[in-house]
N, C-alpha and C. Protein backbone atom coordinates (compact mmCIF):
# COMPACT_ATOMS: atom_id res chain seq x y z
N MET A 1 0.85 -1.82 -0.09
CA MET A 1 0.34 -0.02 0.26
C MET A 1 0.49 0.97 -0.07
N GLU A 2 1.08 2.30 -1.24
CA GLU A 2 1.45 3.28 -1.01
C GLU A 2 0.81 4.39 -0.10
N VAL A 3 1.94 5.31 0.55
CA VAL A 3 1.63 6.17 1.10
C VAL A 3 1.02 7.61 0.51
N LYS A 4 -0.12 7.96 0.69
CA LYS A 4 -0.66 9.13 -0.30
C LYS A 4 -0.28 10.30 0.60
N GLY A 5 -0.01 11.42 0.11
CA GLY A 5 -0.26 12.76 0.58
C GLY A 5 -1.66 12.91 1.72
N PHE A 6 -1.21 14.30 2.57
CA PHE A 6 -2.04 14.52 3.77
C PHE A 6 -3.43 14.50 3.10
N PHE A 7 -3.45 15.54 2.09
CA PHE A 7 -4.76 16.00 1.77
C PHE A 7 -5.54 15.20 0.90
N THR A 8 -4.80 14.27 -0.09
CA THR A 8 -5.16 13.36 -0.70
C THR A 8 -5.84 12.31 0.19
N SER A 9 -5.32 12.13 1.70
CA SER A 9 -6.01 10.96 2.26
C SER A 9 -6.59 11.55 3.16
N LEU A 10 -6.75 12.99 3.52
CA LEU A 10 -8.14 13.74 4.18
C LEU A 10 -9.08 14.09 3.20
N PHE A 11 -8.91 13.88 1.68
CA PHE A 11 -10.79 13.84 1.10
C PHE A 11 -10.78 12.89 0.60
N GLY A 12 -9.83 12.13 0.40
CA GLY A 12 -10.32 10.53 -0.24
C GLY A 12 -11.55 9.91 0.41
N LEU A 13 -12.39 9.59 -0.36
CA LEU A 13 -13.89 9.25 0.31
C LEU A 13 -13.39 7.70 0.57
N SER A 14 -12.34 6.49 0.01
CA SER A 14 -11.90 5.15 0.12
C SER A 14 -11.76 5.05 1.69
N PHE A 15 -11.26 5.70 2.36
CA PHE A 15 -10.70 5.80 3.79
C PHE A 15 -9.85 4.35 4.16
N THR A 16 -9.08 4.37 2.98
CA THR A 16 -8.03 3.36 2.52
C THR A 16 -6.84 3.68 3.72
N GLU A 17 -6.61 4.83 3.67
CA GLU A 17 -5.49 5.68 4.36
C GLU A 17 -5.66 6.87 5.79
N PHE A 18 -5.49 6.74 6.82
CA PHE A 18 -5.85 7.06 7.70
C PHE A 18 -4.83 8.32 7.76
N ILE A 19 -5.49 9.39 8.14
CA ILE A 19 -4.81 10.67 8.73
C ILE A 19 -4.67 10.61 10.25
N THR A 20 -5.55 10.33 11.38
CA THR A 20 -5.00 10.46 12.50
C THR A 20 -3.80 10.02 13.30
N PRO A 21 -2.69 9.18 12.34
CA PRO A 21 -1.62 8.73 13.00
C PRO A 21 -0.70 9.83 12.80
N ARG A 22 -0.80 10.83 11.58
CA ARG A 22 -0.18 11.91 11.56
C ARG A 22 -0.14 13.18 12.39
N ILE A 23 -1.35 13.23 12.45
CA ILE A 23 -1.62 14.57 13.50
C ILE A 23 -2.16 14.24 14.69
N ILE A 24 -1.43 12.86 15.51
CA ILE A 24 -1.41 12.84 17.00
C ILE A 24 -0.98 13.59 17.75
N LYS A 25 0.08 13.79 16.88
CA LYS A 25 1.11 14.88 17.93
C LYS A 25 0.40 16.30 18.12
N LEU A 26 -0.03 16.56 17.49
CA LEU A 26 -0.71 17.71 16.89
C LEU A 26 -1.97 18.01 17.87
N LEU A 27 -2.85 16.60 17.89
CA LEU A 27 -3.81 16.76 18.76
C LEU A 27 -3.67 17.06 20.44
N PHE A 28 -2.20 16.24 20.58
CA PHE A 28 -2.03 16.00 22.38
C PHE A 28 -1.36 17.72 22.11
N VAL A 29 -0.49 17.97 21.66
CA VAL A 29 -0.07 19.50 21.99
C VAL A 29 -1.47 20.55 21.71
N LEU A 30 -2.53 20.46 21.10
CA LEU A 30 -3.53 21.21 21.09
C LEU A 30 -4.60 20.94 22.76
N ALA A 31 -4.17 19.69 23.10
CA ALA A 31 -4.91 19.49 24.28
C ALA A 31 -3.89 19.99 25.52
N ILE A 32 -2.81 20.10 25.16
CA ILE A 32 -2.29 20.35 26.34
C ILE A 32 -2.45 21.88 26.28
N ILE A 33 -2.60 22.69 25.21
CA ILE A 33 -2.73 24.08 25.38
C ILE A 33 -4.15 24.40 25.76
N ILE A 34 -5.31 23.72 25.30
CA ILE A 34 -6.88 24.03 26.20
C ILE A 34 -6.58 23.91 27.57
N SER A 35 -5.79 22.79 27.59
CA SER A 35 -5.65 22.38 29.20
C SER A 35 -5.43 23.79 30.07
N ALA A 36 -4.17 23.84 29.31
CA ALA A 36 -3.65 25.33 30.30
C ALA A 36 -4.20 26.73 30.23
N ILE A 37 -4.94 26.66 29.62
CA ILE A 37 -6.09 27.59 29.08
C ILE A 37 -6.91 27.58 29.93
N VAL A 38 -7.75 26.77 30.00
CA VAL A 38 -8.59 26.37 31.01
C VAL A 38 -8.34 26.72 32.84
N ALA A 39 -7.11 25.60 32.45
CA ALA A 39 -6.15 26.25 34.05
C ALA A 39 -6.26 27.65 34.41
N LEU A 40 -5.62 28.17 33.42
CA LEU A 40 -5.22 29.93 34.16
C LEU A 40 -6.48 30.43 34.14
N VAL A 41 -8.10 29.72 33.46
CA VAL A 41 -9.25 30.61 33.68
C VAL A 41 -9.75 30.19 35.09
N ILE A 42 -9.47 28.94 35.22
CA ILE A 42 -9.74 28.55 36.77
C ILE A 42 -9.28 29.32 37.49
N PHE A 43 -7.75 29.74 37.43
CA PHE A 43 -7.03 30.11 38.25
C PHE A 43 -7.25 31.85 38.67
N PHE A 44 -7.22 32.32 37.49
CA PHE A 44 -7.87 33.86 37.81
C PHE A 44 -9.09 34.34 37.83
N VAL A 45 -10.01 33.23 37.68
CA VAL A 45 -11.36 33.42 38.26
C VAL A 45 -11.71 33.52 39.48
N GLY A 46 -10.54 32.33 40.11
CA GLY A 46 -10.80 32.37 41.77
C GLY A 46 -9.92 33.58 42.36
N VAL A 47 -8.93 33.61 41.68
CA VAL A 47 -7.99 34.83 42.49
C VAL A 47 -8.48 36.29 42.26
N PHE A 48 -9.71 36.91 41.67
CA PHE A 48 -9.83 37.92 41.20
C PHE A 48 -11.22 38.03 41.54
N THR A 49 -11.84 36.77 42.20
CA THR A 49 -13.03 36.75 42.85
C THR A 49 -12.83 36.93 44.45
N GLY A 50 -11.60 36.11 44.96
CA GLY A 50 -11.41 36.54 46.06
C GLY A 50 -11.63 35.55 47.69
N GLY A 51 -11.51 35.76 48.27
CA GLY A 51 -12.08 34.87 49.36
C GLY A 51 -11.39 33.32 49.20
N PRO A 52 -12.00 32.86 49.75
CA PRO A 52 -11.87 31.17 49.58
C PRO A 52 -11.46 30.62 48.46
N ARG A 53 -13.00 31.70 47.52
CA ARG A 53 -12.07 30.68 46.09
C ARG A 53 -10.89 30.82 45.66
N ALA A 54 -10.25 32.43 46.00
CA ALA A 54 -8.62 32.29 45.85
C ALA A 54 -8.10 31.09 46.37
N LEU A 55 -8.22 30.25 47.03
CA LEU A 55 -7.25 29.22 47.61
C LEU A 55 -7.42 28.12 46.89
N PHE A 56 -8.79 27.97 46.49
CA PHE A 56 -9.12 26.90 46.00
C PHE A 56 -9.01 26.66 44.47
N SER A 57 -8.75 28.00 43.94
CA SER A 57 -8.27 28.04 42.64
C SER A 57 -6.73 27.38 42.84
N ILE A 58 -6.26 27.88 43.42
CA ILE A 58 -4.89 28.35 43.48
C ILE A 58 -4.59 26.82 43.35
N ILE A 59 -5.55 25.93 44.37
CA ILE A 59 -5.05 24.18 44.37
C ILE A 59 -5.37 23.64 43.09
N LEU A 60 -7.12 23.98 43.06
CA LEU A 60 -7.39 23.28 41.98
C LEU A 60 -7.13 23.32 40.41
N ALA A 61 -6.42 24.71 40.39
CA ALA A 61 -5.62 24.75 38.93
C ALA A 61 -4.63 24.08 38.10
N PRO A 62 -4.08 23.63 39.22
CA PRO A 62 -2.70 22.40 38.53
C PRO A 62 -2.85 21.37 38.38
N LEU A 63 -4.19 20.94 39.43
CA LEU A 63 -4.69 19.38 39.60
C LEU A 63 -5.90 19.43 38.23
N ALA A 64 -6.17 20.70 37.80
CA ALA A 64 -7.17 20.79 36.81
C ALA A 64 -6.43 19.93 35.13
N PHE A 65 -5.30 21.01 35.03
CA PHE A 65 -4.38 20.68 34.30
C PHE A 65 -3.54 19.64 34.24
N LEU A 66 -3.32 19.02 35.29
CA LEU A 66 -2.48 17.45 35.11
C LEU A 66 -3.83 16.66 34.79
N LEU A 67 -4.47 16.83 35.42
CA LEU A 67 -5.89 15.69 35.24
C LEU A 67 -6.60 15.81 33.49
N TYR A 68 -6.62 16.76 33.25
CA TYR A 68 -6.81 17.43 31.34
C TYR A 68 -6.09 16.57 31.00
N VAL A 69 -4.90 17.19 30.91
CA VAL A 69 -3.11 16.20 30.63
C VAL A 69 -3.50 14.76 30.30
N ILE A 70 -3.22 14.07 31.25
CA ILE A 70 -3.21 13.07 31.56
C ILE A 70 -4.75 11.88 30.99
N ILE A 71 -5.67 12.76 31.00
CA ILE A 71 -6.81 12.27 29.98
C ILE A 71 -6.68 12.15 28.76
N ALA A 72 -6.16 13.29 28.08
CA ALA A 72 -5.86 13.63 26.81
C ALA A 72 -5.41 12.54 26.22
N ARG A 73 -4.11 12.30 27.06
CA ARG A 73 -2.96 11.34 26.81
C ARG A 73 -3.96 9.84 26.61
N VAL A 74 -3.85 9.83 27.19
CA VAL A 74 -4.92 7.96 27.74
C VAL A 74 -5.67 7.96 26.44
N TRP A 75 -6.81 8.88 26.32
CA TRP A 75 -7.78 8.57 24.71
C TRP A 75 -6.69 8.68 23.92
N LEU A 76 -5.66 9.30 23.39
CA LEU A 76 -5.06 9.66 21.91
C LEU A 76 -3.78 8.49 22.34
N GLU A 77 -3.68 7.46 23.26
CA GLU A 77 -2.76 6.25 23.19
C GLU A 77 -4.18 5.37 23.12
N LEU A 78 -5.38 5.24 23.34
CA LEU A 78 -6.14 4.24 23.19
C LEU A 78 -6.32 4.29 21.51
N ILE A 79 -6.58 5.23 20.99
CA ILE A 79 -6.98 5.35 19.71
C ILE A 79 -5.63 5.09 18.86
N MET A 80 -4.29 5.60 19.40
CA MET A 80 -3.13 4.94 18.45
C MET A 80 -3.17 3.15 18.82
N VAL A 81 -3.44 2.51 19.80
CA VAL A 81 -3.61 1.27 19.72
C VAL A 81 -4.70 0.86 19.03
N MET A 82 -6.09 1.16 18.78
CA MET A 82 -6.69 0.66 17.90
C MET A 82 -6.06 0.88 16.38
N PHE A 83 -5.15 1.64 15.92
CA PHE A 83 -4.74 2.22 14.33
C PHE A 83 -3.47 0.86 14.32
N ARG A 84 -3.02 0.53 15.55
CA ARG A 84 -1.84 -0.81 15.35
C ARG A 84 -2.53 -2.01 15.53
N ILE A 85 -3.31 -1.93 16.12
CA ILE A 85 -4.44 -3.61 16.14
C ILE A 85 -4.32 -3.39 14.16
N ALA A 86 -5.28 -2.26 13.84
CA ALA A 86 -5.72 -2.62 12.76
C ALA A 86 -4.39 -2.71 11.55
N GLY A 87 -3.32 -2.26 11.97
CA GLY A 87 -2.26 -2.16 11.25
C GLY A 87 -1.67 -3.68 11.22
N ASN A 88 -1.57 -4.40 12.30
CA ASN A 88 -0.87 -5.75 12.63
C ASN A 88 -2.52 -6.66 11.78
N THR A 89 -3.16 -6.12 12.14
CA THR A 89 -4.24 -7.74 11.67
C THR A 89 -4.23 -7.65 9.74
N ASP A 90 -3.64 -6.54 9.44
CA ASP A 90 -3.17 -6.11 8.13
C ASP A 90 -2.51 -6.85 7.21
N LYS A 91 -1.12 -7.29 8.65
CA LYS A 91 -0.11 -7.95 8.19
C LYS A 91 -0.09 -9.18 8.29
N LEU A 92 -1.13 -9.77 9.10
CA LEU A 92 -1.36 -10.80 9.79
C LEU A 92 -2.44 -11.50 8.90
N VAL A 93 -3.52 -10.84 7.95
CA VAL A 93 -4.17 -11.06 6.70
C VAL A 93 -3.08 -11.44 5.57
N GLU A 94 -2.09 -10.52 4.92
CA GLU A 94 -1.35 -10.31 4.18
C GLU A 94 -0.21 -11.34 3.84
N GLY A 95 -0.28 -12.26 5.43
CA GLY A 95 0.60 -13.04 5.38
C GLY A 95 -0.07 -14.51 5.65
N ARG A 96 -0.99 -14.51 5.56
CA ARG A 96 -2.17 -15.87 5.23
C ARG A 96 -2.34 -15.93 4.11
N ASP A 97 -2.40 -14.65 3.15
CA ASP A 97 -2.96 -14.71 2.27
C ASP A 97 -1.39 -15.28 0.99
N THR A 98 -0.23 -14.73 1.79
CA THR A 98 1.04 -15.29 0.85
C THR A 98 0.96 -16.68 0.96
N GLN A 99 0.83 -17.04 2.10
CA GLN A 99 1.13 -18.67 3.21
C GLN A 99 0.00 -19.66 1.76
N ALA A 100 -0.86 -19.15 1.83
CA ALA A 100 -2.20 -19.98 1.30
C ALA A 100 -1.94 -19.83 -0.21
N ALA A 101 -1.26 -18.63 -0.99
CA ALA A 101 -0.83 -18.96 -2.04
C ALA A 101 -0.05 -19.59 -2.22
N ALA A 102 1.18 -19.92 -1.76
CA ALA A 102 2.28 -20.69 -1.79
C ALA A 102 2.42 -21.88 -1.63
N ASP A 103 1.22 -22.10 -0.68
CA ASP A 103 0.55 -23.82 -0.23
C ASP A 103 0.17 -24.15 -1.63
N GLN A 104 -0.73 -23.44 -2.70
CA GLN A 104 -1.87 -23.83 -3.48
C GLN A 104 -0.76 -24.16 -4.82
N GLU A 105 0.36 -23.75 -4.54
CA GLU A 105 1.67 -23.81 -5.73
C GLU A 105 2.62 -25.13 -5.76
């Protein structure tokens, strides 16, 4: 199977080429950026509100950031595992077909 260009794969209607393995790093970087923005919003809203919310937001913001990044990483790893399973299954089928063709000769 030949590797096609990104945009050819993106707009291809056959879905034989996957783009997710190519953009998984970008998705993780976006998840980190979004997690940081959410944590900063939690922090600043709590600090500017004052009172007990300030202390709560100082503790909650870093914990929320870590939790969001961990969840994003686990989800993206699960997605990559599915793609690796698909790739390994393709290799097994190709090997079985090659073996069956050799046995018929």
